[in-house]
Amino acid sequence: MQVFFSDQAFLDMEGVREYFDEVAPHKTDEIVLSIVDRVFLLEEYPLSGPEEPFLKSIGLDRRFLVEGNYKIIYRIEDNIYITQVFDARQDPLKMVDNENAQPI
């Protein structure tokens, strides 16, 4: 399986980079690379992340991995699609809004 990032996931990663560039520039690359490294483990172990319970409760079949304060939300079809990289310190309703903004 291959891993693909949605537009939302790219925006989220850009936001992570911008945030750390501002508050801890010496940590930016380390944080971003740790998220990316975690994502690409999914190529070999796509079922390694548990189901995302909040999204499942509204009928969305998503899984997640945790890296630091971030939830890497993904779905499995013929490939793996990273739908968002969500800062878990935020209101989980934002996670729903991000999923609903995804193209089908």
N, C-alpha and C. Protein backbone atom coordinates (compact mmCIF):
# COMPACT_ATOMS: atom_id res chain seq x y z
N MET A 1 0.84 -1.19 0.00
CA MET A 1 0.00 0.00 0.00
C MET A 1 0.88 1.24 0.00
N GLN A 2 0.37 2.27 -0.63
CA GLN A 2 1.06 3.55 -0.63
C GLN A 2 0.31 4.53 0.27
N VAL A 3 1.03 5.53 0.73
CA VAL A 3 0.45 6.56 1.59
C VAL A 3 0.31 7.85 0.79
N PHE A 4 -0.86 8.46 0.88
CA PHE A 4 -1.13 9.73 0.22
C PHE A 4 -1.67 10.71 1.26
N PHE A 5 -1.28 11.97 1.10
CA PHE A 5 -1.75 13.04 1.98
C PHE A 5 -2.86 13.82 1.29
N SER A 6 -3.95 14.07 2.00
CA SER A 6 -5.01 14.94 1.48
C SER A 6 -4.53 16.38 1.51
N ASP A 7 -5.26 17.25 0.83
CA ASP A 7 -4.95 18.68 0.89
C ASP A 7 -4.99 19.17 2.34
N GLN A 8 -5.98 18.70 3.10
CA GLN A 8 -6.10 19.11 4.51
C GLN A 8 -4.87 18.68 5.30
N ALA A 9 -4.40 17.45 5.07
CA ALA A 9 -3.23 16.96 5.79
C ALA A 9 -1.99 17.80 5.46
N PHE A 10 -1.85 18.19 4.18
CA PHE A 10 -0.73 19.07 3.80
C PHE A 10 -0.83 20.41 4.52
N LEU A 11 -2.04 20.97 4.56
CA LEU A 11 -2.23 22.24 5.27
C LEU A 11 -1.91 22.09 6.76
N ASP A 12 -2.33 20.97 7.33
CA ASP A 12 -2.04 20.73 8.74
C ASP A 12 -0.54 20.65 9.00
N MET A 13 0.18 19.94 8.13
CA MET A 13 1.63 19.83 8.29
C MET A 13 2.31 21.19 8.12
N GLU A 14 1.80 21.96 7.20
CA GLU A 14 2.31 23.32 7.02
C GLU A 14 2.09 24.15 8.29
N GLY A 15 0.93 23.98 8.90
CA GLY A 15 0.62 24.67 10.16
C GLY A 15 1.55 24.24 11.29
N VAL A 16 1.86 22.95 11.35
CA VAL A 16 2.79 22.45 12.37
C VAL A 16 4.15 23.11 12.16
N ARG A 17 4.60 23.13 10.92
CA ARG A 17 5.91 23.74 10.61
C ARG A 17 5.92 25.23 10.98
N GLU A 18 4.89 25.94 10.59
CA GLU A 18 4.82 27.37 10.89
C GLU A 18 4.80 27.63 12.39
N TYR A 19 4.04 26.83 13.11
CA TYR A 19 3.95 27.00 14.56
C TYR A 19 5.32 26.82 15.21
N PHE A 20 5.99 25.72 14.88
CA PHE A 20 7.28 25.47 15.51
C PHE A 20 8.37 26.42 15.02
N ASP A 21 8.27 26.88 13.78
CA ASP A 21 9.22 27.90 13.31
C ASP A 21 9.13 29.15 14.18
N GLU A 22 7.93 29.40 14.67
CA GLU A 22 7.71 30.60 15.49
C GLU A 22 8.11 30.40 16.95
N VAL A 23 7.73 29.26 17.54
CA VAL A 23 7.93 29.07 18.98
C VAL A 23 9.20 28.31 19.35
N ALA A 24 9.67 27.44 18.46
CA ALA A 24 10.86 26.64 18.76
C ALA A 24 11.53 26.22 17.45
N PRO A 25 12.13 27.19 16.75
CA PRO A 25 12.69 26.88 15.43
C PRO A 25 13.72 25.75 15.43
N HIS A 26 14.40 25.56 16.53
CA HIS A 26 15.39 24.49 16.60
C HIS A 26 14.74 23.10 16.66
N LYS A 27 13.45 23.03 16.92
CA LYS A 27 12.72 21.75 17.01
C LYS A 27 11.86 21.46 15.78
N THR A 28 11.72 22.42 14.87
CA THR A 28 10.78 22.28 13.75
C THR A 28 11.03 21.01 12.95
N ASP A 29 12.24 20.85 12.44
CA ASP A 29 12.53 19.68 11.59
C ASP A 29 12.33 18.38 12.35
N GLU A 30 12.74 18.35 13.61
CA GLU A 30 12.59 17.14 14.41
C GLU A 30 11.12 16.75 14.56
N ILE A 31 10.26 17.71 14.84
CA ILE A 31 8.83 17.45 15.03
C ILE A 31 8.19 16.99 13.72
N VAL A 32 8.45 17.74 12.65
CA VAL A 32 7.86 17.41 11.35
C VAL A 32 8.34 16.03 10.88
N LEU A 33 9.62 15.76 10.98
CA LEU A 33 10.14 14.46 10.55
C LEU A 33 9.61 13.31 11.40
N SER A 34 9.39 13.55 12.69
CA SER A 34 8.83 12.48 13.53
C SER A 34 7.41 12.12 13.08
N ILE A 35 6.64 13.12 12.68
CA ILE A 35 5.28 12.86 12.17
C ILE A 35 5.35 12.10 10.85
N VAL A 36 6.20 12.56 9.95
CA VAL A 36 6.34 11.91 8.63
C VAL A 36 6.83 10.48 8.78
N ASP A 37 7.82 10.26 9.64
CA ASP A 37 8.33 8.90 9.85
C ASP A 37 7.23 7.98 10.36
N ARG A 38 6.42 8.48 11.27
CA ARG A 38 5.31 7.69 11.82
C ARG A 38 4.31 7.34 10.73
N VAL A 39 4.01 8.31 9.88
CA VAL A 39 3.06 8.09 8.77
C VAL A 39 3.53 6.96 7.88
N PHE A 40 4.79 6.95 7.51
CA PHE A 40 5.26 5.97 6.54
C PHE A 40 5.43 4.56 7.12
N LEU A 41 5.29 4.40 8.43
CA LEU A 41 5.20 3.07 9.01
C LEU A 41 3.91 2.38 8.56
N LEU A 42 2.92 3.18 8.18
CA LEU A 42 1.64 2.63 7.76
C LEU A 42 1.74 1.81 6.47
N GLU A 43 2.75 2.07 5.66
CA GLU A 43 2.92 1.28 4.43
C GLU A 43 3.05 -0.20 4.75
N GLU A 44 3.75 -0.52 5.82
CA GLU A 44 3.92 -1.92 6.22
C GLU A 44 2.87 -2.38 7.22
N TYR A 45 2.36 -1.46 8.03
CA TYR A 45 1.44 -1.83 9.10
C TYR A 45 0.20 -0.94 9.08
N PRO A 46 -0.63 -1.06 8.05
CA PRO A 46 -1.77 -0.14 7.92
C PRO A 46 -2.80 -0.24 9.04
N LEU A 47 -2.89 -1.39 9.67
CA LEU A 47 -3.87 -1.56 10.74
C LEU A 47 -3.29 -1.29 12.12
N SER A 48 -2.10 -0.71 12.16
CA SER A 48 -1.46 -0.48 13.46
C SER A 48 -2.16 0.57 14.31
N GLY A 49 -2.86 1.49 13.69
CA GLY A 49 -3.58 2.50 14.44
C GLY A 49 -4.98 2.02 14.79
N PRO A 50 -5.45 2.32 15.99
CA PRO A 50 -6.82 1.95 16.36
C PRO A 50 -7.85 2.82 15.64
N GLU A 51 -9.09 2.39 15.68
CA GLU A 51 -10.17 3.21 15.12
C GLU A 51 -10.27 4.50 15.92
N GLU A 52 -10.59 5.58 15.23
CA GLU A 52 -10.76 6.89 15.89
C GLU A 52 -12.18 6.93 16.45
N PRO A 53 -12.36 6.81 17.77
CA PRO A 53 -13.70 6.66 18.34
C PRO A 53 -14.62 7.86 18.12
N PHE A 54 -14.09 9.05 18.20
CA PHE A 54 -14.94 10.23 18.02
C PHE A 54 -15.50 10.28 16.61
N LEU A 55 -14.67 10.01 15.62
CA LEU A 55 -15.16 10.01 14.23
C LEU A 55 -16.04 8.79 13.94
N LYS A 56 -15.72 7.66 14.56
CA LYS A 56 -16.55 6.47 14.39
C LYS A 56 -17.97 6.71 14.90
N SER A 57 -18.07 7.49 15.98
CA SER A 57 -19.39 7.76 16.57
C SER A 57 -20.30 8.55 15.62
N ILE A 58 -19.71 9.20 14.63
CA ILE A 58 -20.54 9.92 13.66
C ILE A 58 -20.52 9.22 12.29
N GLY A 59 -20.08 7.96 12.28
CA GLY A 59 -20.17 7.15 11.07
C GLY A 59 -18.99 7.23 10.12
N LEU A 60 -17.87 7.79 10.56
CA LEU A 60 -16.68 7.87 9.69
C LEU A 60 -15.68 6.79 10.10
N ASP A 61 -15.27 6.01 9.14
CA ASP A 61 -14.34 4.91 9.38
C ASP A 61 -12.91 5.43 9.23
N ARG A 62 -12.32 5.84 10.33
CA ARG A 62 -10.97 6.38 10.34
C ARG A 62 -10.16 5.71 11.44
N ARG A 63 -8.88 5.68 11.24
CA ARG A 63 -7.93 5.20 12.24
C ARG A 63 -6.99 6.34 12.58
N PHE A 64 -6.17 6.14 13.60
CA PHE A 64 -5.23 7.20 13.95
C PHE A 64 -3.96 6.64 14.56
N LEU A 65 -2.92 7.40 14.42
CA LEU A 65 -1.66 7.19 15.12
C LEU A 65 -1.39 8.45 15.93
N VAL A 66 -0.66 8.31 17.00
CA VAL A 66 -0.30 9.47 17.81
C VAL A 66 1.20 9.69 17.68
N GLU A 67 1.56 10.93 17.44
CA GLU A 67 2.97 11.35 17.46
C GLU A 67 3.04 12.67 18.20
N GLY A 68 3.60 12.64 19.38
CA GLY A 68 3.62 13.84 20.22
C GLY A 68 2.20 14.26 20.56
N ASN A 69 1.88 15.51 20.29
CA ASN A 69 0.53 16.03 20.55
C ASN A 69 -0.40 15.88 19.36
N TYR A 70 0.03 15.16 18.33
CA TYR A 70 -0.73 15.11 17.09
C TYR A 70 -1.34 13.74 16.84
N LYS A 71 -2.58 13.77 16.38
CA LYS A 71 -3.25 12.58 15.90
C LYS A 71 -3.15 12.59 14.38
N ILE A 72 -2.60 11.54 13.84
CA ILE A 72 -2.51 11.37 12.39
C ILE A 72 -3.74 10.56 12.01
N ILE A 73 -4.71 11.21 11.41
CA ILE A 73 -5.98 10.57 11.07
C ILE A 73 -5.86 10.02 9.65
N TYR A 74 -6.29 8.76 9.46
CA TYR A 74 -6.19 8.17 8.13
C TYR A 74 -7.33 7.19 7.87
N ARG A 75 -7.50 6.92 6.58
CA ARG A 75 -8.46 5.90 6.17
C ARG A 75 -7.74 4.93 5.25
N ILE A 76 -8.23 3.71 5.23
CA ILE A 76 -7.65 2.67 4.40
C ILE A 76 -8.66 2.31 3.32
N GLU A 77 -8.23 2.38 2.10
CA GLU A 77 -9.02 1.91 0.96
C GLU A 77 -8.08 1.00 0.18
N ASP A 78 -7.88 1.28 -1.09
CA ASP A 78 -6.88 0.54 -1.84
C ASP A 78 -5.47 0.99 -1.46
N ASN A 79 -5.37 2.18 -0.91
CA ASN A 79 -4.15 2.76 -0.36
C ASN A 79 -4.48 3.39 0.98
N ILE A 80 -3.53 4.07 1.57
CA ILE A 80 -3.72 4.74 2.85
C ILE A 80 -3.78 6.23 2.58
N TYR A 81 -4.81 6.87 3.09
CA TYR A 81 -5.02 8.30 2.88
C TYR A 81 -4.97 9.02 4.21
N ILE A 82 -3.96 9.86 4.37
CA ILE A 82 -3.87 10.70 5.58
C ILE A 82 -4.84 11.84 5.35
N THR A 83 -5.86 11.92 6.18
CA THR A 83 -6.89 12.94 5.98
C THR A 83 -6.61 14.21 6.76
N GLN A 84 -5.87 14.07 7.87
CA GLN A 84 -5.51 15.26 8.64
C GLN A 84 -4.47 14.90 9.69
N VAL A 85 -3.75 15.92 10.12
CA VAL A 85 -2.82 15.82 11.23
C VAL A 85 -3.37 16.80 12.25
N PHE A 86 -4.02 16.24 13.25
CA PHE A 86 -4.83 17.01 14.18
C PHE A 86 -4.12 17.20 15.51
N ASP A 87 -4.01 18.43 15.95
CA ASP A 87 -3.45 18.73 17.27
C ASP A 87 -4.47 18.29 18.31
N ALA A 88 -4.15 17.25 19.04
CA ALA A 88 -5.11 16.63 19.97
C ALA A 88 -5.48 17.53 21.14
N ARG A 89 -4.83 18.69 21.27
CA ARG A 89 -5.19 19.63 22.34
C ARG A 89 -6.35 20.52 21.93
N GLN A 90 -6.81 20.38 20.69
CA GLN A 90 -7.91 21.20 20.18
C GLN A 90 -9.25 20.52 20.45
N ASP A 91 -10.31 21.26 20.23
CA ASP A 91 -11.67 20.74 20.35
C ASP A 91 -11.86 19.65 19.29
N PRO A 92 -12.30 18.45 19.68
CA PRO A 92 -12.47 17.38 18.70
C PRO A 92 -13.52 17.69 17.63
N LEU A 93 -14.39 18.64 17.87
CA LEU A 93 -15.35 19.02 16.83
C LEU A 93 -14.65 19.58 15.60
N LYS A 94 -13.48 20.18 15.79
CA LYS A 94 -12.71 20.67 14.65
C LYS A 94 -12.27 19.51 13.77
N MET A 95 -12.00 18.37 14.39
CA MET A 95 -11.62 17.17 13.65
C MET A 95 -12.76 16.75 12.72
N VAL A 96 -13.98 16.85 13.21
CA VAL A 96 -15.16 16.51 12.40
C VAL A 96 -15.28 17.50 11.24
N ASP A 97 -15.13 18.77 11.53
CA ASP A 97 -15.20 19.79 10.47
C ASP A 97 -14.16 19.53 9.39
N ASN A 98 -12.95 19.17 9.79
CA ASN A 98 -11.88 18.89 8.83
C ASN A 98 -12.24 17.70 7.96
N GLU A 99 -12.82 16.67 8.54
CA GLU A 99 -13.21 15.48 7.76
C GLU A 99 -14.34 15.82 6.80
N ASN A 100 -15.28 16.62 7.25
CA ASN A 100 -16.39 16.98 6.38
C ASN A 100 -15.97 17.88 5.22
N ALA A 101 -14.83 18.54 5.35
CA ALA A 101 -14.33 19.40 4.28
C ALA A 101 -13.58 18.61 3.20
N GLN A 102 -13.34 17.32 3.46
CA GLN A 102 -12.60 16.49 2.52
C GLN A 102 -13.43 16.20 1.27
N PRO A 103 -12.80 16.24 0.09
CA PRO A 103 -13.51 15.80 -1.10
C PRO A 103 -13.74 14.30 -1.04
N ILE A 104 -14.78 13.83 -1.66
CA ILE A 104 -15.10 12.39 -1.63
C ILE A 104 -14.24 11.63 -2.62
